[in-house]
């Protein structure tokens, strides 16, 4: 399980955009967002660097939670 802290994820629309971005690199990923904590959990076989890269590309830079 990968855990990301995304400080710019402040609303439901942001959470949807983040989820769509993550699914664009791994459509089979299981994603749970915690909007109040600005955190996302991702269950995937891919390396976390792939997810960091796509989040940066879409304007939601992240760090490990």
PDB file of N, CA and C in Angstrom:
ATOM      1  N   UNK A   1       0.856  -1.182   0.000  1.00  0.00           N
ATOM      2  CA  UNK A   1       0.000   0.000   0.000  1.00  0.00           C
ATOM      3  C   UNK A   1       0.894   1.235   0.000  1.00  0.00           C
ATOM      4  N   UNK A   2       0.624   2.132  -0.915  1.00  0.00           N
ATOM      5  CA  UNK A   2       1.355   3.392  -1.008  1.00  0.00           C
ATOM      6  C   UNK A   2       0.502   4.495  -0.393  1.00  0.00           C
ATOM      7  N   UNK A   3       1.131   5.385   0.357  1.00  0.00           N
ATOM      8  CA  UNK A   3       0.427   6.492   1.001  1.00  0.00           C
ATOM      9  C   UNK A   3       1.030   7.813   0.548  1.00  0.00           C
ATOM     10  N   UNK A   4       0.179   8.684   0.051  1.00  0.00           N
ATOM     11  CA  UNK A   4       0.631   9.983  -0.443  1.00  0.00           C
ATOM     12  C   UNK A   4      -0.075  11.105   0.309  1.00  0.00           C
ATOM     13  N   UNK A   5       0.690  12.150   0.626  1.00  0.00           N
ATOM     14  CA  UNK A   5       0.139  13.381   1.184  1.00  0.00           C
ATOM     15  C   UNK A   5       0.117  14.399   0.060  1.00  0.00           C
ATOM     16  N   UNK A   6      -1.063  14.953  -0.238  1.00  0.00           N
ATOM     17  CA  UNK A   6      -1.240  15.878  -1.353  1.00  0.00           C
ATOM     18  C   UNK A   6      -1.875  17.157  -0.816  1.00  0.00           C
ATOM     19  N   UNK A   7      -1.054  18.132  -0.403  1.00  0.00           N
ATOM     20  CA  UNK A   7      -1.600  19.331   0.240  1.00  0.00           C
ATOM     21  C   UNK A   7      -2.555  20.151  -0.628  1.00  0.00           C
ATOM     22  N   UNK A   8      -2.439  20.071  -1.954  1.00  0.00           N
ATOM     23  CA  UNK A   8      -3.323  20.843  -2.827  1.00  0.00           C
ATOM     24  C   UNK A   8      -4.672  20.166  -3.066  1.00  0.00           C
ATOM     25  N   UNK A   9      -4.883  18.979  -2.522  1.00  0.00           N
ATOM     26  CA  UNK A   9      -6.153  18.277  -2.675  1.00  0.00           C
ATOM     27  C   UNK A   9      -7.098  18.776  -1.579  1.00  0.00           C
ATOM     28  N   UNK A  10      -7.876  19.805  -1.922  1.00  0.00           N
ATOM     29  CA  UNK A  10      -8.677  20.490  -0.906  1.00  0.00           C
ATOM     30  C   UNK A  10     -10.187  20.362  -1.082  1.00  0.00           C
ATOM     31  N   UNK A  11     -10.630  19.722  -2.180  1.00  0.00           N
ATOM     32  CA  UNK A  11     -12.073  19.593  -2.392  1.00  0.00           C
ATOM     33  C   UNK A  11     -12.377  18.283  -3.123  1.00  0.00           C
ATOM     34  N   UNK A  12     -13.647  18.006  -3.261  1.00  0.00           N
ATOM     35  CA  UNK A  12     -14.057  16.785  -3.942  1.00  0.00           C
ATOM     36  C   UNK A  12     -13.614  16.741  -5.394  1.00  0.00           C
ATOM     37  N   UNK A  13     -13.619  17.892  -6.049  1.00  0.00           N
ATOM     38  CA  UNK A  13     -13.155  17.955  -7.437  1.00  0.00           C
ATOM     39  C   UNK A  13     -11.677  17.621  -7.542  1.00  0.00           C
ATOM     40  N   UNK A  14     -10.904  18.106  -6.574  1.00  0.00           N
ATOM     41  CA  UNK A  14      -9.465  17.793  -6.533  1.00  0.00           C
ATOM     42  C   UNK A  14      -9.264  16.285  -6.335  1.00  0.00           C
ATOM     43  N   UNK A  15     -10.023  15.707  -5.429  1.00  0.00           N
ATOM     44  CA  UNK A  15      -9.909  14.270  -5.152  1.00  0.00           C
ATOM     45  C   UNK A  15     -10.252  13.463  -6.403  1.00  0.00           C
ATOM     46  N   UNK A  16     -11.247  13.909  -7.145  1.00  0.00           N
ATOM     47  CA  UNK A  16     -11.627  13.219  -8.378  1.00  0.00           C
ATOM     48  C   UNK A  16     -10.504  13.319  -9.410  1.00  0.00           C
ATOM     49  N   UNK A  17      -9.913  14.503  -9.537  1.00  0.00           N
ATOM     50  CA  UNK A  17      -8.809  14.689 -10.479  1.00  0.00           C
ATOM     51  C   UNK A  17      -7.615  13.833 -10.109  1.00  0.00           C
ATOM     52  N   UNK A  18      -7.302  13.767  -8.825  1.00  0.00           N
ATOM     53  CA  UNK A  18      -6.200  12.940  -8.344  1.00  0.00           C
ATOM     54  C   UNK A  18      -6.476  11.470  -8.650  1.00  0.00           C
ATOM     55  N   UNK A  19      -7.676  11.027  -8.360  1.00  0.00           N
ATOM     56  CA  UNK A  19      -8.045   9.629  -8.613  1.00  0.00           C
ATOM     57  C   UNK A  19      -7.933   9.301 -10.095  1.00  0.00           C
ATOM     58  N   UNK A  20      -8.439  10.169 -10.951  1.00  0.00           N
ATOM     59  CA  UNK A  20      -8.366   9.937 -12.394  1.00  0.00           C
ATOM     60  C   UNK A  20      -6.918   9.885 -12.871  1.00  0.00           C
ATOM     61  N   UNK A  21      -6.074  10.756 -12.338  1.00  0.00           N
ATOM     62  CA  UNK A  21      -4.665  10.765 -12.727  1.00  0.00           C
ATOM     63  C   UNK A  21      -3.984   9.457 -12.333  1.00  0.00           C
ATOM     64  N   UNK A  22      -4.257   9.003 -11.110  1.00  0.00           N
ATOM     65  CA  UNK A  22      -3.652   7.754 -10.638  1.00  0.00           C
ATOM     66  C   UNK A  22      -4.136   6.563 -11.460  1.00  0.00           C
ATOM     67  N   UNK A  23      -5.413   6.537 -11.770  1.00  0.00           N
ATOM     68  CA  UNK A  23      -5.961   5.448 -12.574  1.00  0.00           C
ATOM     69  C   UNK A  23      -5.464   5.477 -14.017  1.00  0.00           C
ATOM     70  N   UNK A  24      -5.018   6.635 -14.481  1.00  0.00           N
ATOM     71  CA  UNK A  24      -4.510   6.728 -15.857  1.00  0.00           C
ATOM     72  C   UNK A  24      -3.212   5.945 -16.035  1.00  0.00           C
ATOM     73  N   UNK A  25      -2.461   5.768 -14.961  1.00  0.00           N
ATOM     74  CA  UNK A  25      -1.221   4.987 -15.061  1.00  0.00           C
ATOM     75  C   UNK A  25      -1.409   3.547 -14.614  1.00  0.00           C
ATOM     76  N   UNK A  26      -2.426   3.287 -13.803  1.00  0.00           N
ATOM     77  CA  UNK A  26      -2.737   1.918 -13.388  1.00  0.00           C
ATOM     78  C   UNK A  26      -4.247   1.786 -13.203  1.00  0.00           C
ATOM     79  N   UNK A  27      -4.948   1.409 -14.282  1.00  0.00           N
ATOM     80  CA  UNK A  27      -6.406   1.294 -14.210  1.00  0.00           C
ATOM     81  C   UNK A  27      -6.897   0.267 -13.190  1.00  0.00           C
ATOM     82  N   UNK A  28      -6.038  -0.646 -12.767  1.00  0.00           N
ATOM     83  CA  UNK A  28      -6.434  -1.676 -11.810  1.00  0.00           C
ATOM     84  C   UNK A  28      -6.118  -1.295 -10.364  1.00  0.00           C
ATOM     85  N   UNK A  29      -5.547  -0.120 -10.166  1.00  0.00           N
ATOM     86  CA  UNK A  29      -5.182   0.313  -8.809  1.00  0.00           C
ATOM     87  C   UNK A  29      -6.434   0.496  -7.958  1.00  0.00           C
ATOM     88  N   UNK A  30      -6.291   0.223  -6.685  1.00  0.00           N
ATOM     89  CA  UNK A  30      -7.359   0.475  -5.710  1.00  0.00           C
ATOM     90  C   UNK A  30      -6.983   1.765  -4.982  1.00  0.00           C
ATOM     91  N   UNK A  31      -7.849   2.744  -5.017  1.00  0.00           N
ATOM     92  CA  UNK A  31      -7.524   4.068  -4.497  1.00  0.00           C
ATOM     93  C   UNK A  31      -8.551   4.497  -3.459  1.00  0.00           C
ATOM     94  N   UNK A  32      -8.041   4.997  -2.339  1.00  0.00           N
ATOM     95  CA  UNK A  32      -8.899   5.549  -1.294  1.00  0.00           C
ATOM     96  C   UNK A  32      -8.396   6.945  -0.966  1.00  0.00           C
ATOM     97  N   UNK A  33      -9.296   7.921  -1.012  1.00  0.00           N
ATOM     98  CA  UNK A  33      -8.909   9.291  -0.679  1.00  0.00           C
ATOM     99  C   UNK A  33      -9.447   9.666   0.693  1.00  0.00           C
ATOM    100  N   UNK A  34      -8.650  10.435   1.416  1.00  0.00           N
ATOM    101  CA  UNK A  34      -9.064  11.001   2.702  1.00  0.00           C
ATOM    102  C   UNK A  34      -8.891  12.505   2.556  1.00  0.00           C
ATOM    103  N   UNK A  35      -9.953  13.152   2.138  1.00  0.00           N
ATOM    104  CA  UNK A  35      -9.906  14.581   1.840  1.00  0.00           C
ATOM    105  C   UNK A  35      -9.525  15.413   3.055  1.00  0.00           C
ATOM    106  N   UNK A  36     -10.048  15.073   4.220  1.00  0.00           N
ATOM    107  CA  UNK A  36      -9.765  15.836   5.435  1.00  0.00           C
ATOM    108  C   UNK A  36      -8.276  15.835   5.778  1.00  0.00           C
ATOM    109  N   UNK A  37      -7.603  14.729   5.501  1.00  0.00           N
ATOM    110  CA  UNK A  37      -6.174  14.607   5.810  1.00  0.00           C
ATOM    111  C   UNK A  37      -5.296  14.911   4.595  1.00  0.00           C
ATOM    112  N   UNK A  38      -5.911  15.197   3.455  1.00  0.00           N
ATOM    113  CA  UNK A  38      -5.178  15.419   2.199  1.00  0.00           C
ATOM    114  C   UNK A  38      -4.300  14.223   1.855  1.00  0.00           C
ATOM    115  N   UNK A  39      -4.823  13.027   2.064  1.00  0.00           N
ATOM    116  CA  UNK A  39      -4.047  11.812   1.824  1.00  0.00           C
ATOM    117  C   UNK A  39      -4.767  10.870   0.864  1.00  0.00           C
ATOM    118  N   UNK A  40      -3.959  10.095   0.163  1.00  0.00           N
ATOM    119  CA  UNK A  40      -4.469   9.083  -0.751  1.00  0.00           C
ATOM    120  C   UNK A  40      -3.701   7.801  -0.509  1.00  0.00           C
ATOM    121  N   UNK A  41      -4.430   6.692  -0.447  1.00  0.00           N
ATOM    122  CA  UNK A  41      -3.809   5.370  -0.360  1.00  0.00           C
ATOM    123  C   UNK A  41      -4.029   4.683  -1.696  1.00  0.00           C
ATOM    124  N   UNK A  42      -2.948   4.080  -2.201  1.00  0.00           N
ATOM    125  CA  UNK A  42      -3.005   3.405  -3.490  1.00  0.00           C
ATOM    126  C   UNK A  42      -2.487   1.988  -3.330  1.00  0.00           C
ATOM    127  N   UNK A  43      -3.285   1.055  -3.771  1.00  0.00           N
ATOM    128  CA  UNK A  43      -2.850  -0.347  -3.797  1.00  0.00           C
ATOM    129  C   UNK A  43      -2.579  -0.686  -5.259  1.00  0.00           C
ATOM    130  N   UNK A  44      -1.297  -0.915  -5.573  1.00  0.00           N
ATOM    131  CA  UNK A  44      -0.888  -1.140  -6.954  1.00  0.00           C
ATOM    132  C   UNK A  44       0.403  -1.942  -6.986  1.00  0.00           C
ATOM    133  N   UNK A  45       0.652  -2.577  -8.113  1.00  0.00           N
ATOM    134  CA  UNK A  45       1.917  -3.290  -8.302  1.00  0.00           C
ATOM    135  C   UNK A  45       2.993  -2.359  -8.857  1.00  0.00           C
ATOM    136  N   UNK A  46       2.609  -1.157  -9.275  1.00  0.00           N
ATOM    137  CA  UNK A  46       3.565  -0.203  -9.836  1.00  0.00           C
ATOM    138  C   UNK A  46       4.372   0.492  -8.748  1.00  0.00           C
ATOM    139  N   UNK A  47       5.542   0.996  -9.135  1.00  0.00           N
ATOM    140  CA  UNK A  47       6.414   1.721  -8.227  1.00  0.00           C
ATOM    141  C   UNK A  47       5.826   3.098  -7.909  1.00  0.00           C
ATOM    142  N   UNK A  48       6.059   3.573  -6.709  1.00  0.00           N
ATOM    143  CA  UNK A  48       5.485   4.865  -6.293  1.00  0.00           C
ATOM    144  C   UNK A  48       5.982   6.022  -7.141  1.00  0.00           C
ATOM    145  N   UNK A  49       7.161   5.921  -7.727  1.00  0.00           N
ATOM    146  CA  UNK A  49       7.690   7.008  -8.561  1.00  0.00           C
ATOM    147  C   UNK A  49       6.787   7.315  -9.754  1.00  0.00           C
ATOM    148  N   UNK A  50       6.129   6.291 -10.283  1.00  0.00           N
ATOM    149  CA  UNK A  50       5.193   6.486 -11.396  1.00  0.00           C
ATOM    150  C   UNK A  50       4.044   7.385 -10.949  1.00  0.00           C
ATOM    151  N   UNK A  51       3.562   7.161  -9.750  1.00  0.00           N
ATOM    152  CA  UNK A  51       2.447   7.955  -9.228  1.00  0.00           C
ATOM    153  C   UNK A  51       2.888   9.371  -8.868  1.00  0.00           C
ATOM    154  N   UNK A  52       4.088   9.518  -8.285  1.00  0.00           N
ATOM    155  CA  UNK A  52       4.600  10.862  -8.002  1.00  0.00           C
ATOM    156  C   UNK A  52       4.685  11.668  -9.298  1.00  0.00           C
ATOM    157  N   UNK A  53       5.177  11.046 -10.362  1.00  0.00           N
ATOM    158  CA  UNK A  53       5.345  11.745 -11.641  1.00  0.00           C
ATOM    159  C   UNK A  53       4.008  12.217 -12.202  1.00  0.00           C
ATOM    160  N   UNK A  54       3.002  11.334 -12.220  1.00  0.00           N
ATOM    161  CA  UNK A  54       1.717  11.730 -12.792  1.00  0.00           C
ATOM    162  C   UNK A  54       1.028  12.784 -11.930  1.00  0.00           C
ATOM    163  N   UNK A  55       1.172  12.709 -10.622  1.00  0.00           N
ATOM    164  CA  UNK A  55       0.578  13.725  -9.756  1.00  0.00           C
ATOM    165  C   UNK A  55       1.218  15.089  -9.989  1.00  0.00           C
ATOM    166  N   UNK A  56       2.530  15.120 -10.183  1.00  0.00           N
ATOM    167  CA  UNK A  56       3.198  16.382 -10.502  1.00  0.00           C
ATOM    168  C   UNK A  56       2.718  16.932 -11.837  1.00  0.00           C
ATOM    169  N   UNK A  57       2.544  16.052 -12.819  1.00  0.00           N
ATOM    170  CA  UNK A  57       2.102  16.470 -14.147  1.00  0.00           C
ATOM    171  C   UNK A  57       0.736  17.141 -14.109  1.00  0.00           C
ATOM    172  N   UNK A  58      -0.148  16.673 -13.262  1.00  0.00           N
ATOM    173  CA  UNK A  58      -1.508  17.224 -13.212  1.00  0.00           C
ATOM    174  C   UNK A  58      -1.678  18.322 -12.168  1.00  0.00           C
ATOM    175  N   UNK A  59      -0.573  18.753 -11.553  1.00  0.00           N
ATOM    176  CA  UNK A  59      -0.630  19.888 -10.644  1.00  0.00           C
ATOM    177  C   UNK A  59      -0.929  19.564  -9.191  1.00  0.00           C
ATOM    178  N   UNK A  60      -0.750  18.315  -8.809  1.00  0.00           N
ATOM    179  CA  UNK A  60      -0.959  17.896  -7.422  1.00  0.00           C
ATOM    180  C   UNK A  60       0.292  17.233  -6.865  1.00  0.00           C
ATOM    181  N   UNK A  61       1.370  18.026  -6.674  1.00  0.00           N
ATOM    182  CA  UNK A  61       2.595  17.425  -6.146  1.00  0.00           C
ATOM    183  C   UNK A  61       2.333  16.746  -4.809  1.00  0.00           C
ATOM    184  N   UNK A  62       2.977  15.596  -4.623  1.00  0.00           N
ATOM    185  CA  UNK A  62       2.731  14.790  -3.431  1.00  0.00           C
ATOM    186  C   UNK A  62       4.042  14.428  -2.760  1.00  0.00           C
ATOM    187  N   UNK A  63       3.911  13.975  -1.543  1.00  0.00           N
ATOM    188  CA  UNK A  63       5.052  13.376  -0.825  1.00  0.00           C
ATOM    189  C   UNK A  63       4.514  12.184  -0.047  1.00  0.00           C
ATOM    190  N   UNK A  64       5.401  11.393   0.471  1.00  0.00           N
ATOM    191  CA  UNK A  64       4.970  10.231   1.242  1.00  0.00           C
ATOM    192  C   UNK A  64       4.223  10.665   2.492  1.00  0.00           C
ATOM    193  N   UNK A  65       3.149   9.970   2.765  1.00  0.00           N
ATOM    194  CA  UNK A  65       2.362  10.286   3.974  1.00  0.00           C
ATOM    195  C   UNK A  65       2.879   9.461   5.140  1.00  0.00           C
TER     196      UNK A  65
END
